Amino acid sequence: HSQFFDGGQAFHSVTKSMYNPPGSGGCVNMRPADAKAYWKLLKNGDDVYVYGRKPGT
């Protein structure tokens, strides 16, 4: 389950730790169950606001 919201950034599920290299390139990594719930909740054209900062910035 992947939902792109800003160019190459997406909400998507991961099955392993993203804290180890190479990590994430800017996506929102989610547990598979959470990504599935977002897939059912969000629709094309919905506004998405992401707060925080990328690690290392």
C-alpha atoms as a PDB file:
ATOM      1  CA  HIS A   1       0.000   0.000   0.000  1.00  0.00           C
ATOM      2  CA  SER A   2       1.675   3.195  -1.242  1.00  0.00           C
ATOM      3  CA  GLN A   3       0.056   6.614  -1.564  1.00  0.00           C
ATOM      4  CA  PHE A   4       2.149   9.388  -3.076  1.00  0.00           C
ATOM      5  CA  PHE A   5       1.500  12.903  -1.801  1.00  0.00           C
ATOM      6  CA  ASP A   6       4.444  15.043  -2.960  1.00  0.00           C
ATOM      7  CA  GLY A   7       6.403  13.960  -5.988  1.00  0.00           C
ATOM      8  CA  GLY A   8       8.328  10.897  -4.854  1.00  0.00           C
ATOM      9  CA  GLN A   9       7.239  11.010  -1.194  1.00  0.00           C
ATOM     10  CA  ALA A  10       4.608   8.556  -0.092  1.00  0.00           C
ATOM     11  CA  PHE A  11       2.894   6.882   2.814  1.00  0.00           C
ATOM     12  CA  HIS A  12       3.844   3.216   2.505  1.00  0.00           C
ATOM     13  CA  SER A  13       4.337   0.065   4.498  1.00  0.00           C
ATOM     14  CA  VAL A  14       7.722  -1.335   5.394  1.00  0.00           C
ATOM     15  CA  THR A  15       8.486  -4.805   6.655  1.00  0.00           C
ATOM     16  CA  LYS A  16      11.919  -4.073   8.126  1.00  0.00           C
ATOM     17  CA  SER A  17      13.494  -1.340  10.210  1.00  0.00           C
ATOM     18  CA  MET A  18      14.057   1.896   8.314  1.00  0.00           C
ATOM     19  CA  TYR A  19      16.427   3.089  11.042  1.00  0.00           C
ATOM     20  CA  ASN A  20      19.228   1.057   9.470  1.00  0.00           C
ATOM     21  CA  PRO A  21      21.013   2.179   6.282  1.00  0.00           C
ATOM     22  CA  PRO A  22      19.925   3.151   3.728  1.00  0.00           C
ATOM     23  CA  GLY A  23      16.865   4.387   5.649  1.00  0.00           C
ATOM     24  CA  SER A  24      14.171   6.472   4.019  1.00  0.00           C
ATOM     25  CA  GLY A  25      14.453   9.004   1.234  1.00  0.00           C
ATOM     26  CA  GLY A  26      11.644  11.131   2.658  1.00  0.00           C
ATOM     27  CA  CYS A  27       8.662   8.794   2.739  1.00  0.00           C
ATOM     28  CA  VAL A  28       6.413   8.156   5.722  1.00  0.00           C
ATOM     29  CA  ASN A  29       7.149   4.548   6.669  1.00  0.00           C
ATOM     30  CA  MET A  30       4.292   2.706   8.327  1.00  0.00           C
ATOM     31  CA  ARG A  31       3.457  -0.686   9.724  1.00  0.00           C
ATOM     32  CA  PRO A  32       1.588  -2.729   7.093  1.00  0.00           C
ATOM     33  CA  ALA A  33      -1.702  -2.560   9.047  1.00  0.00           C
ATOM     34  CA  ASP A  34      -1.463   1.237   9.349  1.00  0.00           C
ATOM     35  CA  ALA A  35      -0.646   1.679   5.651  1.00  0.00           C
ATOM     36  CA  LYS A  36      -3.679  -0.446   4.786  1.00  0.00           C
ATOM     37  CA  ALA A  37      -5.898   1.734   7.012  1.00  0.00           C
ATOM     38  CA  TYR A  38      -4.595   4.912   5.292  1.00  0.00           C
ATOM     39  CA  TRP A  39      -5.261   3.283   1.911  1.00  0.00           C
ATOM     40  CA  LYS A  40      -8.923   2.906   2.873  1.00  0.00           C
ATOM     41  CA  LEU A  41      -9.151   6.382   4.446  1.00  0.00           C
ATOM     42  CA  LEU A  42      -7.398   8.719   1.990  1.00  0.00           C
ATOM     43  CA  LYS A  43      -8.731   9.506  -1.475  1.00  0.00           C
ATOM     44  CA  ASN A  44      -7.021  11.020  -4.512  1.00  0.00           C
ATOM     45  CA  GLY A  45      -7.032  14.799  -4.109  1.00  0.00           C
ATOM     46  CA  ASP A  46      -7.179  14.821  -0.280  1.00  0.00           C
ATOM     47  CA  ASP A  47      -4.943  17.430   1.347  1.00  0.00           C
ATOM     48  CA  VAL A  48      -1.972  15.991   3.235  1.00  0.00           C
ATOM     49  CA  TYR A  49       0.060  17.907   5.825  1.00  0.00           C
ATOM     50  CA  VAL A  50       3.281  16.399   7.138  1.00  0.00           C
ATOM     51  CA  TYR A  51       4.949  18.065  10.118  1.00  0.00           C
ATOM     52  CA  GLY A  52       8.457  17.642  11.444  1.00  0.00           C
ATOM     53  CA  ARG A  53      11.827  17.500   9.807  1.00  0.00           C
ATOM     54  CA  LYS A  54      13.956  14.965   8.042  1.00  0.00           C
ATOM     55  CA  PRO A  55      16.602  13.351  10.271  1.00  0.00           C
ATOM     56  CA  GLY A  56      19.959  15.052   9.967  1.00  0.00           C
ATOM     57  CA  THR A  57      18.541  18.481   9.056  1.00  0.00           C
END
